[in-house]
């Protein structure tokens, strides 16, 4: 989100759409930039299960029992959105399979 906001401030784009969370505010001057909430969306955690059918991971996590999660890498969010990142991913996947 940081790169997108920076691009907006520097004039590299005219519109930024992204997720907002109060603990990670977007630092834009409200006198200069309008913000519109398009909707809200709940986020649901899911876990693999044990052989007994119980959740393998539970919330809240602790230092002794951390919960793994999937997240976007810096490369993912800062790459151009021209489809090349999909080709690169597919090429890497095929290469690992020797194709």
N, C-alpha and C. Protein backbone atom coordinates (compact mmCIF):
# COMPACT_ATOMS: atom_id res chain seq x y z
N UNK A 1 0.82 -1.18 0.00
CA UNK A 1 0.00 0.00 0.00
C UNK A 1 0.87 1.25 0.00
N UNK A 2 2.01 1.18 0.66
CA UNK A 2 2.91 2.33 0.74
C UNK A 2 3.30 2.83 -0.64
N UNK A 3 3.70 1.90 -1.53
CA UNK A 3 4.11 2.30 -2.87
C UNK A 3 2.96 2.93 -3.65
N UNK A 4 1.75 2.41 -3.47
CA UNK A 4 0.59 2.96 -4.17
C UNK A 4 0.30 4.37 -3.69
N UNK A 5 0.36 4.60 -2.39
CA UNK A 5 0.13 5.94 -1.83
C UNK A 5 1.21 6.89 -2.31
N UNK A 6 2.44 6.45 -2.31
CA UNK A 6 3.55 7.28 -2.79
C UNK A 6 3.35 7.65 -4.26
N UNK A 7 2.90 6.70 -5.07
CA UNK A 7 2.63 6.97 -6.48
C UNK A 7 1.53 8.02 -6.63
N UNK A 8 0.50 7.96 -5.80
CA UNK A 8 -0.59 8.94 -5.85
C UNK A 8 -0.06 10.33 -5.50
N UNK A 9 0.70 10.42 -4.43
CA UNK A 9 1.24 11.71 -3.98
C UNK A 9 2.18 12.30 -5.03
N UNK A 10 2.96 11.46 -5.69
CA UNK A 10 3.92 11.93 -6.69
C UNK A 10 3.30 12.14 -8.07
N UNK A 11 2.00 11.87 -8.20
CA UNK A 11 1.32 12.09 -9.48
C UNK A 11 1.43 10.93 -10.45
N UNK A 12 1.91 9.79 -9.99
CA UNK A 12 2.06 8.63 -10.86
C UNK A 12 0.75 7.90 -11.14
N UNK A 13 -0.28 8.20 -10.36
CA UNK A 13 -1.61 7.61 -10.57
C UNK A 13 -2.66 8.59 -10.04
N UNK A 14 -3.89 8.37 -10.41
CA UNK A 14 -4.97 9.25 -9.99
C UNK A 14 -5.90 8.61 -8.97
N UNK A 15 -5.78 7.32 -8.75
CA UNK A 15 -6.69 6.60 -7.87
C UNK A 15 -5.97 5.45 -7.20
N UNK A 16 -6.23 5.27 -5.92
CA UNK A 16 -5.69 4.14 -5.17
C UNK A 16 -6.87 3.45 -4.50
N UNK A 17 -6.95 2.15 -4.69
CA UNK A 17 -7.96 1.35 -3.99
C UNK A 17 -7.22 0.32 -3.15
N UNK A 18 -7.59 0.20 -1.89
CA UNK A 18 -6.90 -0.76 -1.04
C UNK A 18 -7.67 -1.02 0.22
N UNK A 19 -7.20 -1.97 0.99
CA UNK A 19 -7.80 -2.30 2.27
C UNK A 19 -7.32 -1.31 3.32
N UNK A 20 -8.17 -1.03 4.27
CA UNK A 20 -7.82 -0.10 5.35
C UNK A 20 -8.05 -0.78 6.69
N UNK A 21 -7.14 -0.56 7.60
CA UNK A 21 -7.31 -1.04 8.97
C UNK A 21 -6.85 0.08 9.90
N UNK A 22 -7.59 0.36 10.94
CA UNK A 22 -7.23 1.47 11.83
C UNK A 22 -5.82 1.38 12.40
N UNK A 23 -5.29 0.18 12.57
CA UNK A 23 -3.93 0.07 13.12
C UNK A 23 -2.86 0.37 12.07
N UNK A 24 -3.27 0.49 10.80
CA UNK A 24 -2.33 0.84 9.72
C UNK A 24 -2.94 1.96 8.88
N UNK A 25 -3.03 3.17 9.46
CA UNK A 25 -3.68 4.25 8.72
C UNK A 25 -2.88 4.67 7.50
N UNK A 26 -3.60 5.14 6.49
CA UNK A 26 -2.96 5.67 5.28
C UNK A 26 -2.71 7.14 5.54
N UNK A 27 -1.45 7.54 5.42
CA UNK A 27 -1.06 8.91 5.76
C UNK A 27 -1.26 9.85 4.58
N UNK A 28 -2.51 10.21 4.32
CA UNK A 28 -2.83 11.19 3.28
C UNK A 28 -3.60 12.34 3.91
N UNK A 29 -3.30 13.54 3.47
CA UNK A 29 -3.97 14.73 3.99
C UNK A 29 -5.43 14.73 3.55
N UNK A 30 -6.38 14.62 4.49
CA UNK A 30 -7.80 14.57 4.11
C UNK A 30 -8.28 15.86 3.45
N UNK A 31 -7.57 16.96 3.62
CA UNK A 31 -7.94 18.21 2.95
C UNK A 31 -7.58 18.17 1.47
N UNK A 32 -6.65 17.30 1.11
CA UNK A 32 -6.20 17.21 -0.29
C UNK A 32 -6.74 15.97 -1.00
N UNK A 33 -6.96 14.88 -0.26
CA UNK A 33 -7.38 13.61 -0.86
C UNK A 33 -8.70 13.15 -0.24
N UNK A 34 -9.65 12.84 -1.08
CA UNK A 34 -10.92 12.28 -0.62
C UNK A 34 -10.78 10.79 -0.40
N UNK A 35 -11.52 10.27 0.58
CA UNK A 35 -11.54 8.83 0.83
C UNK A 35 -12.99 8.39 0.90
N UNK A 36 -13.27 7.29 0.26
CA UNK A 36 -14.61 6.74 0.23
C UNK A 36 -14.54 5.26 0.59
N UNK A 37 -15.33 4.84 1.56
CA UNK A 37 -15.41 3.43 1.90
C UNK A 37 -16.37 2.75 0.94
N UNK A 38 -15.88 1.80 0.19
CA UNK A 38 -16.70 1.09 -0.80
C UNK A 38 -17.46 -0.07 -0.16
N UNK A 39 -16.98 -0.57 0.93
CA UNK A 39 -17.62 -1.69 1.60
C UNK A 39 -16.74 -2.22 2.71
N UNK A 40 -17.25 -3.17 3.41
CA UNK A 40 -16.48 -3.84 4.45
C UNK A 40 -16.54 -5.33 4.21
N UNK A 41 -15.57 -6.02 4.73
CA UNK A 41 -15.47 -7.45 4.45
C UNK A 41 -14.90 -8.16 5.68
N UNK A 42 -15.59 -9.18 6.17
CA UNK A 42 -15.02 -9.92 7.30
C UNK A 42 -13.86 -10.81 6.82
N UNK A 43 -12.94 -11.02 7.69
CA UNK A 43 -11.82 -11.91 7.39
C UNK A 43 -11.94 -13.11 8.33
N UNK A 44 -11.95 -14.30 7.77
CA UNK A 44 -12.12 -15.52 8.56
C UNK A 44 -10.85 -16.35 8.55
N UNK A 45 -10.35 -16.72 9.73
CA UNK A 45 -9.18 -17.60 9.78
C UNK A 45 -9.60 -19.05 9.57
N UNK A 46 -8.79 -19.79 8.85
CA UNK A 46 -9.02 -21.22 8.63
C UNK A 46 -7.75 -21.97 8.98
N UNK A 47 -7.91 -23.19 9.44
CA UNK A 47 -6.77 -23.99 9.84
C UNK A 47 -6.90 -25.40 9.29
N UNK A 48 -5.76 -26.00 9.03
CA UNK A 48 -5.74 -27.44 8.74
C UNK A 48 -6.21 -28.15 10.00
N UNK A 49 -6.67 -29.36 9.84
CA UNK A 49 -7.14 -30.12 11.01
C UNK A 49 -6.20 -31.28 11.31
N UNK A 50 -6.27 -31.72 12.54
CA UNK A 50 -5.49 -32.90 12.95
C UNK A 50 -6.26 -34.15 12.52
N UNK A 51 -5.66 -35.30 12.69
CA UNK A 51 -6.35 -36.55 12.37
C UNK A 51 -7.63 -36.71 13.19
N UNK A 52 -7.66 -36.09 14.36
CA UNK A 52 -8.84 -36.15 15.21
C UNK A 52 -9.91 -35.14 14.83
N UNK A 53 -9.64 -34.33 13.80
CA UNK A 53 -10.63 -33.38 13.32
C UNK A 53 -10.62 -32.03 14.02
N UNK A 54 -9.67 -31.79 14.90
CA UNK A 54 -9.58 -30.49 15.58
C UNK A 54 -8.66 -29.56 14.81
N UNK A 55 -8.86 -28.26 15.01
CA UNK A 55 -8.00 -27.27 14.35
C UNK A 55 -6.55 -27.49 14.77
N UNK A 56 -5.67 -27.50 13.80
CA UNK A 56 -4.24 -27.69 14.09
C UNK A 56 -3.64 -26.44 14.73
N UNK A 57 -4.20 -25.28 14.40
CA UNK A 57 -3.73 -24.00 14.94
C UNK A 57 -4.92 -23.26 15.52
N UNK A 58 -4.70 -22.57 16.63
CA UNK A 58 -5.80 -21.82 17.23
C UNK A 58 -5.36 -20.39 17.53
N UNK A 59 -6.35 -19.52 17.57
CA UNK A 59 -6.12 -18.11 17.85
C UNK A 59 -6.58 -17.82 19.27
N UNK A 60 -5.95 -16.90 19.95
CA UNK A 60 -4.83 -16.11 19.49
C UNK A 60 -3.52 -16.89 19.58
N UNK A 61 -2.60 -16.54 18.71
CA UNK A 61 -1.29 -17.18 18.72
C UNK A 61 -0.48 -16.69 19.92
N UNK A 62 0.49 -17.46 20.30
CA UNK A 62 1.41 -17.06 21.37
C UNK A 62 2.83 -17.29 20.88
N UNK A 63 3.78 -16.79 21.63
CA UNK A 63 5.18 -17.01 21.25
C UNK A 63 5.51 -18.50 21.27
N UNK A 64 4.89 -19.23 22.19
CA UNK A 64 5.14 -20.66 22.29
C UNK A 64 4.37 -21.45 21.25
N UNK A 65 3.29 -20.88 20.75
CA UNK A 65 2.44 -21.57 19.79
C UNK A 65 2.04 -20.61 18.66
N UNK A 66 3.00 -20.27 17.80
CA UNK A 66 2.71 -19.31 16.73
C UNK A 66 1.78 -19.92 15.68
N UNK A 67 1.11 -19.05 14.94
CA UNK A 67 0.21 -19.48 13.87
C UNK A 67 0.81 -19.04 12.54
N UNK A 68 1.10 -19.97 11.64
CA UNK A 68 1.63 -19.58 10.34
C UNK A 68 0.54 -18.88 9.53
N UNK A 69 0.94 -18.02 8.63
CA UNK A 69 -0.04 -17.34 7.79
C UNK A 69 0.56 -17.05 6.42
N UNK A 70 -0.31 -16.87 5.46
CA UNK A 70 0.10 -16.49 4.12
C UNK A 70 0.04 -14.98 4.01
N UNK A 71 0.98 -14.39 3.33
CA UNK A 71 0.96 -12.94 3.14
C UNK A 71 1.58 -12.61 1.80
N UNK A 72 1.36 -11.40 1.36
CA UNK A 72 1.97 -10.92 0.13
C UNK A 72 3.41 -10.53 0.40
N UNK A 73 4.30 -10.85 -0.52
CA UNK A 73 5.68 -10.44 -0.38
C UNK A 73 5.84 -9.04 -0.96
N UNK A 74 6.95 -8.39 -0.64
CA UNK A 74 7.22 -7.06 -1.17
C UNK A 74 7.28 -7.10 -2.70
N UNK A 75 7.82 -8.18 -3.25
CA UNK A 75 7.91 -8.29 -4.71
C UNK A 75 6.52 -8.35 -5.34
N UNK A 76 5.59 -8.99 -4.66
CA UNK A 76 4.25 -9.14 -5.19
C UNK A 76 3.53 -7.81 -5.29
N UNK A 77 3.61 -7.01 -4.25
CA UNK A 77 2.86 -5.76 -4.25
C UNK A 77 3.56 -4.63 -4.96
N UNK A 78 4.85 -4.77 -5.26
CA UNK A 78 5.55 -3.67 -5.92
C UNK A 78 5.84 -3.95 -7.39
N UNK A 79 5.38 -5.08 -7.91
CA UNK A 79 5.62 -5.42 -9.31
C UNK A 79 4.58 -4.77 -10.19
N UNK A 80 4.91 -4.52 -11.45
CA UNK A 80 3.92 -3.93 -12.36
C UNK A 80 2.75 -4.88 -12.56
N UNK A 81 1.57 -4.32 -12.75
CA UNK A 81 0.37 -5.13 -12.90
C UNK A 81 0.03 -5.31 -14.38
N UNK A 82 1.00 -5.79 -15.12
CA UNK A 82 0.80 -6.00 -16.56
C UNK A 82 0.66 -7.48 -16.90
N UNK A 83 0.57 -8.31 -15.88
CA UNK A 83 0.44 -9.75 -16.11
C UNK A 83 1.78 -10.47 -16.11
N UNK A 84 2.89 -9.73 -16.14
CA UNK A 84 4.20 -10.39 -16.21
C UNK A 84 4.49 -11.21 -14.97
N UNK A 85 3.96 -10.80 -13.82
CA UNK A 85 4.21 -11.57 -12.60
C UNK A 85 3.55 -12.94 -12.68
N UNK A 86 2.43 -13.06 -13.39
CA UNK A 86 1.79 -14.37 -13.58
C UNK A 86 2.64 -15.25 -14.49
N UNK A 87 3.19 -14.66 -15.54
CA UNK A 87 4.06 -15.43 -16.45
C UNK A 87 5.31 -15.89 -15.72
N UNK A 88 5.90 -15.00 -14.91
CA UNK A 88 7.11 -15.37 -14.17
C UNK A 88 6.83 -16.52 -13.22
N UNK A 89 5.69 -16.48 -12.53
CA UNK A 89 5.32 -17.54 -11.59
C UNK A 89 5.12 -18.85 -12.35
N UNK A 90 4.41 -18.79 -13.48
CA UNK A 90 4.17 -20.00 -14.27
C UNK A 90 5.48 -20.57 -14.80
N UNK A 91 6.35 -19.70 -15.29
CA UNK A 91 7.65 -20.15 -15.80
C UNK A 91 8.47 -20.83 -14.70
N UNK A 92 8.45 -20.26 -13.49
CA UNK A 92 9.20 -20.85 -12.38
C UNK A 92 8.61 -22.21 -12.00
N UNK A 93 7.29 -22.31 -11.98
CA UNK A 93 6.63 -23.57 -11.62
C UNK A 93 6.96 -24.65 -12.66
N UNK A 94 6.93 -24.30 -13.93
CA UNK A 94 7.26 -25.27 -14.99
C UNK A 94 8.71 -25.66 -14.93
N UNK A 95 9.57 -24.70 -14.64
CA UNK A 95 11.00 -24.97 -14.56
C UNK A 95 11.29 -25.98 -13.44
N UNK A 96 10.62 -25.83 -12.28
CA UNK A 96 10.84 -26.75 -11.17
C UNK A 96 10.40 -28.17 -11.54
N UNK A 97 9.46 -28.28 -12.48
CA UNK A 97 8.97 -29.60 -12.88
C UNK A 97 9.75 -30.14 -14.08
N UNK A 98 10.78 -29.38 -14.52
CA UNK A 98 11.60 -29.82 -15.63
C UNK A 98 10.91 -29.69 -16.98
N UNK A 99 9.92 -28.82 -17.09
CA UNK A 99 9.18 -28.66 -18.35
C UNK A 99 9.63 -27.41 -19.09
